[in-house]
C-alpha atoms as a PDB file:
ATOM      1  CA  UNK A   1     -16.752 -43.360  43.488  1.00  0.00           C
ATOM      2  CA  UNK A   2     -15.000 -46.372  44.344  1.00  0.00           C
ATOM      3  CA  UNK A   3     -11.050 -46.712  43.864  1.00  0.00           C
ATOM      4  CA  UNK A   4     -10.330 -50.137  44.504  1.00  0.00           C
ATOM      5  CA  UNK A   5      -6.420 -49.459  45.488  1.00  0.00           C
ATOM      6  CA  UNK A   6      -3.226 -51.989  45.015  1.00  0.00           C
ATOM      7  CA  UNK A   7      -0.183 -51.223  46.011  1.00  0.00           C
ATOM      8  CA  UNK A   8       2.842 -53.630  44.946  1.00  0.00           C
ATOM      9  CA  UNK A   9       5.506 -51.519  44.247  1.00  0.00           C
ATOM     10  CA  UNK A  10       8.821 -51.953  45.900  1.00  0.00           C
ATOM     11  CA  UNK A  11       9.627 -47.569  45.851  1.00  0.00           C
ATOM     12  CA  UNK A  12       7.403 -46.414  48.977  1.00  0.00           C
ATOM     13  CA  UNK A  13       5.984 -43.374  48.540  1.00  0.00           C
ATOM     14  CA  UNK A  14       5.996 -40.515  51.029  1.00  0.00           C
ATOM     15  CA  UNK A  15       2.545 -39.036  50.755  1.00  0.00           C
ATOM     16  CA  UNK A  16      -1.091 -40.186  50.513  1.00  0.00           C
ATOM     17  CA  UNK A  17      -1.241 -41.589  46.965  1.00  0.00           C
ATOM     18  CA  UNK A  18      -4.296 -43.004  47.606  1.00  0.00           C
ATOM     19  CA  UNK A  19      -5.973 -39.623  48.355  1.00  0.00           C
ATOM     20  CA  UNK A  20      -4.513 -38.053  45.558  1.00  0.00           C
ATOM     21  CA  UNK A  21      -5.702 -40.728  43.054  1.00  0.00           C
ATOM     22  CA  UNK A  22      -9.803 -40.192  44.237  1.00  0.00           C
ATOM     23  CA  UNK A  23      -9.222 -36.599  43.960  1.00  0.00           C
ATOM     24  CA  UNK A  24      -8.026 -36.648  40.814  1.00  0.00           C
ATOM     25  CA  UNK A  25     -10.211 -39.633  39.654  1.00  0.00           C
ATOM     26  CA  UNK A  26     -13.113 -37.808  40.762  1.00  0.00           C
ATOM     27  CA  UNK A  27     -12.505 -34.426  39.359  1.00  0.00           C
ATOM     28  CA  UNK A  28     -11.834 -36.006  35.903  1.00  0.00           C
ATOM     29  CA  UNK A  29     -15.521 -37.555  36.257  1.00  0.00           C
ATOM     30  CA  UNK A  30     -16.858 -34.159  37.084  1.00  0.00           C
ATOM     31  CA  UNK A  31     -15.301 -31.742  34.439  1.00  0.00           C
ATOM     32  CA  UNK A  32     -16.459 -34.610  31.831  1.00  0.00           C
ATOM     33  CA  UNK A  33     -20.036 -33.945  33.020  1.00  0.00           C
ATOM     34  CA  UNK A  34     -20.087 -37.874  33.795  1.00  0.00           C
ATOM     35  CA  UNK A  35     -23.863 -38.595  35.522  1.00  0.00           C
ATOM     36  CA  UNK A  36     -22.968 -41.177  37.421  1.00  0.00           C
ATOM     37  CA  UNK A  37     -20.767 -42.991  40.568  1.00  0.00           C
ATOM     38  CA  UNK A  38     -17.992 -44.849  39.091  1.00  0.00           C
ATOM     39  CA  UNK A  39     -15.627 -47.495  39.678  1.00  0.00           C
ATOM     40  CA  UNK A  40     -11.812 -47.452  38.872  1.00  0.00           C
ATOM     41  CA  UNK A  41      -9.658 -50.087  39.785  1.00  0.00           C
ATOM     42  CA  UNK A  42      -5.808 -48.794  40.199  1.00  0.00           C
ATOM     43  CA  UNK A  43      -2.250 -51.176  40.755  1.00  0.00           C
ATOM     44  CA  UNK A  44       0.182 -49.033  41.641  1.00  0.00           C
ATOM     45  CA  UNK A  45       3.411 -51.466  40.926  1.00  0.00           C
ATOM     46  CA  UNK A  46       7.052 -51.469  39.324  1.00  0.00           C
ATOM     47  CA  UNK A  47       8.510 -51.553  35.900  1.00  0.00           C
ATOM     48  CA  UNK A  48       9.451 -55.693  35.447  1.00  0.00           C
ATOM     49  CA  UNK A  49       5.520 -55.945  35.936  1.00  0.00           C
ATOM     50  CA  UNK A  50       4.381 -53.339  33.453  1.00  0.00           C
ATOM     51  CA  UNK A  51       6.650 -54.603  31.230  1.00  0.00           C
ATOM     52  CA  UNK A  52       5.042 -57.977  31.144  1.00  0.00           C
ATOM     53  CA  UNK A  53       1.661 -56.186  30.585  1.00  0.00           C
ATOM     54  CA  UNK A  54       2.663 -54.525  28.331  1.00  0.00           C
ATOM     55  CA  UNK A  55       4.103 -57.539  26.295  1.00  0.00           C
ATOM     56  CA  UNK A  56       1.470 -59.392  27.280  1.00  0.00           C
ATOM     57  CA  UNK A  57      -1.457 -57.007  26.199  1.00  0.00           C
ATOM     58  CA  UNK A  58       0.556 -54.757  23.547  1.00  0.00           C
ATOM     59  CA  UNK A  59       3.500 -57.026  22.463  1.00  0.00           C
ATOM     60  CA  UNK A  60       5.489 -54.149  23.655  1.00  0.00           C
ATOM     61  CA  UNK A  61       8.770 -55.411  25.672  1.00  0.00           C
ATOM     62  CA  UNK A  62       9.373 -52.752  27.521  1.00  0.00           C
ATOM     63  CA  UNK A  63       7.846 -50.641  30.553  1.00  0.00           C
ATOM     64  CA  UNK A  64       5.852 -47.694  30.135  1.00  0.00           C
ATOM     65  CA  UNK A  65       4.243 -45.194  33.036  1.00  0.00           C
ATOM     66  CA  UNK A  66       1.047 -46.064  32.400  1.00  0.00           C
ATOM     67  CA  UNK A  67      -1.296 -48.317  31.297  1.00  0.00           C
ATOM     68  CA  UNK A  68      -5.057 -48.120  30.754  1.00  0.00           C
ATOM     69  CA  UNK A  69      -7.845 -50.739  30.499  1.00  0.00           C
ATOM     70  CA  UNK A  70     -11.044 -49.511  29.572  1.00  0.00           C
ATOM     71  CA  UNK A  71     -14.392 -51.164  30.426  1.00  0.00           C
ATOM     72  CA  UNK A  72     -16.547 -49.214  28.019  1.00  0.00           C
ATOM     73  CA  UNK A  73     -16.384 -48.398  24.677  1.00  0.00           C
ATOM     74  CA  UNK A  74     -17.893 -45.067  23.928  1.00  0.00           C
ATOM     75  CA  UNK A  75     -19.436 -44.039  20.722  1.00  0.00           C
ATOM     76  CA  UNK A  76     -17.710 -40.501  21.460  1.00  0.00           C
ATOM     77  CA  UNK A  77     -15.573 -40.100  23.838  1.00  0.00           C
ATOM     78  CA  UNK A  78     -16.550 -38.291  27.121  1.00  0.00           C
ATOM     79  CA  UNK A  79     -20.339 -38.738  26.165  1.00  0.00           C
ATOM     80  CA  UNK A  80     -22.084 -40.832  28.679  1.00  0.00           C
ATOM     81  CA  UNK A  81     -25.534 -40.550  26.792  1.00  0.00           C
ATOM     82  CA  UNK A  82     -27.203 -43.948  27.204  1.00  0.00           C
ATOM     83  CA  UNK A  83     -25.094 -45.921  28.528  1.00  0.00           C
ATOM     84  CA  UNK A  84     -27.715 -46.208  31.430  1.00  0.00           C
ATOM     85  CA  UNK A  85     -29.332 -48.405  28.890  1.00  0.00           C
ATOM     86  CA  UNK A  86     -26.997 -51.203  29.040  1.00  0.00           C
ATOM     87  CA  UNK A  87     -27.232 -51.070  33.124  1.00  0.00           C
ATOM     88  CA  UNK A  88     -27.387 -55.108  33.522  1.00  0.00           C
ATOM     89  CA  UNK A  89     -23.558 -54.888  31.264  1.00  0.00           C
ATOM     90  CA  UNK A  90     -21.986 -51.910  32.325  1.00  0.00           C
ATOM     91  CA  UNK A  91     -22.825 -50.939  36.053  1.00  0.00           C
ATOM     92  CA  UNK A  92     -21.559 -53.032  39.349  1.00  0.00           C
ATOM     93  CA  UNK A  93     -24.870 -54.810  40.406  1.00  0.00           C
ATOM     94  CA  UNK A  94     -23.462 -54.814  44.025  1.00  0.00           C
ATOM     95  CA  UNK A  95     -23.129 -50.555  44.093  1.00  0.00           C
ATOM     96  CA  UNK A  96     -24.863 -49.551  40.819  1.00  0.00           C
ATOM     97  CA  UNK A  97     -21.643 -47.665  39.806  1.00  0.00           C
ATOM     98  CA  UNK A  98     -20.418 -47.312  36.409  1.00  0.00           C
ATOM     99  CA  UNK A  99     -17.476 -49.991  35.460  1.00  0.00           C
ATOM    100  CA  UNK A 100     -14.885 -47.453  34.309  1.00  0.00           C
ATOM    101  CA  UNK A 101     -11.824 -49.637  34.390  1.00  0.00           C
ATOM    102  CA  UNK A 102      -8.196 -50.614  35.488  1.00  0.00           C
ATOM    103  CA  UNK A 103      -5.129 -48.509  35.348  1.00  0.00           C
ATOM    104  CA  UNK A 104      -1.684 -49.173  35.690  1.00  0.00           C
ATOM    105  CA  UNK A 105       0.923 -47.267  37.675  1.00  0.00           C
ATOM    106  CA  UNK A 106       5.070 -47.872  37.184  1.00  0.00           C
ATOM    107  CA  UNK A 107       6.382 -46.142  40.378  1.00  0.00           C
ATOM    108  CA  UNK A 108       9.727 -46.601  39.018  1.00  0.00           C
ATOM    109  CA  UNK A 109       8.740 -45.326  35.856  1.00  0.00           C
ATOM    110  CA  UNK A 110       6.946 -42.061  37.606  1.00  0.00           C
ATOM    111  CA  UNK A 111       9.712 -41.048  40.103  1.00  0.00           C
ATOM    112  CA  UNK A 112      12.470 -41.164  36.665  1.00  0.00           C
ATOM    113  CA  UNK A 113       9.664 -39.153  34.639  1.00  0.00           C
ATOM    114  CA  UNK A 114       9.096 -36.542  38.128  1.00  0.00           C
ATOM    115  CA  UNK A 115      13.293 -36.051  38.095  1.00  0.00           C
ATOM    116  CA  UNK A 116      13.306 -35.777  34.183  1.00  0.00           C
ATOM    117  CA  UNK A 117      10.482 -33.021  33.849  1.00  0.00           C
ATOM    118  CA  UNK A 118      11.442 -31.531  37.144  1.00  0.00           C
ATOM    119  CA  UNK A 119       8.379 -31.798  39.612  1.00  0.00           C
ATOM    120  CA  UNK A 120       7.222 -33.617  42.482  1.00  0.00           C
ATOM    121  CA  UNK A 121       6.153 -37.567  42.295  1.00  0.00           C
ATOM    122  CA  UNK A 122       2.939 -36.215  43.894  1.00  0.00           C
ATOM    123  CA  UNK A 123       2.284 -34.346  40.623  1.00  0.00           C
ATOM    124  CA  UNK A 124       3.209 -37.208  38.310  1.00  0.00           C
ATOM    125  CA  UNK A 125       0.968 -39.640  39.748  1.00  0.00           C
ATOM    126  CA  UNK A 126      -1.115 -37.218  39.307  1.00  0.00           C
ATOM    127  CA  UNK A 127      -1.046 -36.947  36.061  1.00  0.00           C
ATOM    128  CA  UNK A 128      -1.011 -40.191  34.909  1.00  0.00           C
ATOM    129  CA  UNK A 129      -4.453 -40.724  37.055  1.00  0.00           C
ATOM    130  CA  UNK A 130      -5.894 -37.944  35.064  1.00  0.00           C
ATOM    131  CA  UNK A 131      -3.541 -38.924  31.496  1.00  0.00           C
ATOM    132  CA  UNK A 132      -5.611 -42.894  32.194  1.00  0.00           C
ATOM    133  CA  UNK A 133      -8.985 -41.629  33.135  1.00  0.00           C
ATOM    134  CA  UNK A 134      -9.442 -39.836  29.982  1.00  0.00           C
ATOM    135  CA  UNK A 135      -8.451 -42.937  28.857  1.00  0.00           C
ATOM    136  CA  UNK A 136     -11.272 -44.452  30.734  1.00  0.00           C
ATOM    137  CA  UNK A 137     -13.060 -42.106  29.277  1.00  0.00           C
ATOM    138  CA  UNK A 138     -12.696 -42.737  25.166  1.00  0.00           C
ATOM    139  CA  UNK A 139      -9.932 -40.613  24.812  1.00  0.00           C
ATOM    140  CA  UNK A 140      -6.935 -41.509  23.377  1.00  0.00           C
ATOM    141  CA  UNK A 141      -3.658 -39.584  22.093  1.00  0.00           C
ATOM    142  CA  UNK A 142      -2.979 -41.266  17.856  1.00  0.00           C
ATOM    143  CA  UNK A 143      -3.681 -38.162  16.213  1.00  0.00           C
ATOM    144  CA  UNK A 144      -2.029 -34.741  17.151  1.00  0.00           C
ATOM    145  CA  UNK A 145      -5.483 -33.199  17.143  1.00  0.00           C
ATOM    146  CA  UNK A 146      -6.712 -36.112  19.131  1.00  0.00           C
ATOM    147  CA  UNK A 147      -3.026 -35.696  21.612  1.00  0.00           C
ATOM    148  CA  UNK A 148      -4.084 -31.806  21.607  1.00  0.00           C
ATOM    149  CA  UNK A 149      -7.623 -32.479  23.083  1.00  0.00           C
ATOM    150  CA  UNK A 150      -6.308 -35.135  26.136  1.00  0.00           C
ATOM    151  CA  UNK A 151      -3.262 -32.410  27.308  1.00  0.00           C
ATOM    152  CA  UNK A 152      -6.017 -29.794  27.693  1.00  0.00           C
ATOM    153  CA  UNK A 153      -8.083 -31.928  29.952  1.00  0.00           C
ATOM    154  CA  UNK A 154      -5.655 -33.367  31.412  1.00  0.00           C
ATOM    155  CA  UNK A 155      -3.989 -29.901  32.612  1.00  0.00           C
ATOM    156  CA  UNK A 156      -7.087 -28.061  32.901  1.00  0.00           C
ATOM    157  CA  UNK A 157      -7.981 -31.326  36.004  1.00  0.00           C
ATOM    158  CA  UNK A 158      -4.787 -30.429  37.695  1.00  0.00           C
ATOM    159  CA  UNK A 159      -4.902 -27.113  37.700  1.00  0.00           C
ATOM    160  CA  UNK A 160      -8.477 -27.171  38.839  1.00  0.00           C
ATOM    161  CA  UNK A 161      -6.944 -29.209  42.153  1.00  0.00           C
ATOM    162  CA  UNK A 162      -4.082 -26.574  42.048  1.00  0.00           C
ATOM    163  CA  UNK A 163      -1.344 -29.452  40.889  1.00  0.00           C
ATOM    164  CA  UNK A 164       1.086 -27.530  38.575  1.00  0.00           C
ATOM    165  CA  UNK A 165       4.580 -28.470  37.544  1.00  0.00           C
END
């Protein structure tokens, strides 16, 4: 798995966030049974940047904790069947990896939420990564049913990695 990671937040993290993000992303793919090596791009940034991205792409003029930009449209969330038939479009020609999409995490917002929820920023970054990975694999939380499915998957992945609240 390839994780193209950029860090441009002013706030510095005191843990190996790259290792954490790779472990969580890898476990999400394993949990969903992804049969391919995959690649994602992750940007850790500040509230100002994520607010601008929200304004630009979602017409929402406020910062959020995470944004997901899926590269694929799944007919059914988490169903990787048949993607290889579109190999020229969906797979990186240099690496052969499935291009899932981009994740943008606000380190500012993650720190605030970690404090609000009473857990570490490490756990919050892990949670936001898992949340976004499931978006990249076609999941959403527009309805209560979708939300419950997605939340259960996120928690299961974090528990498998020993990352608790």
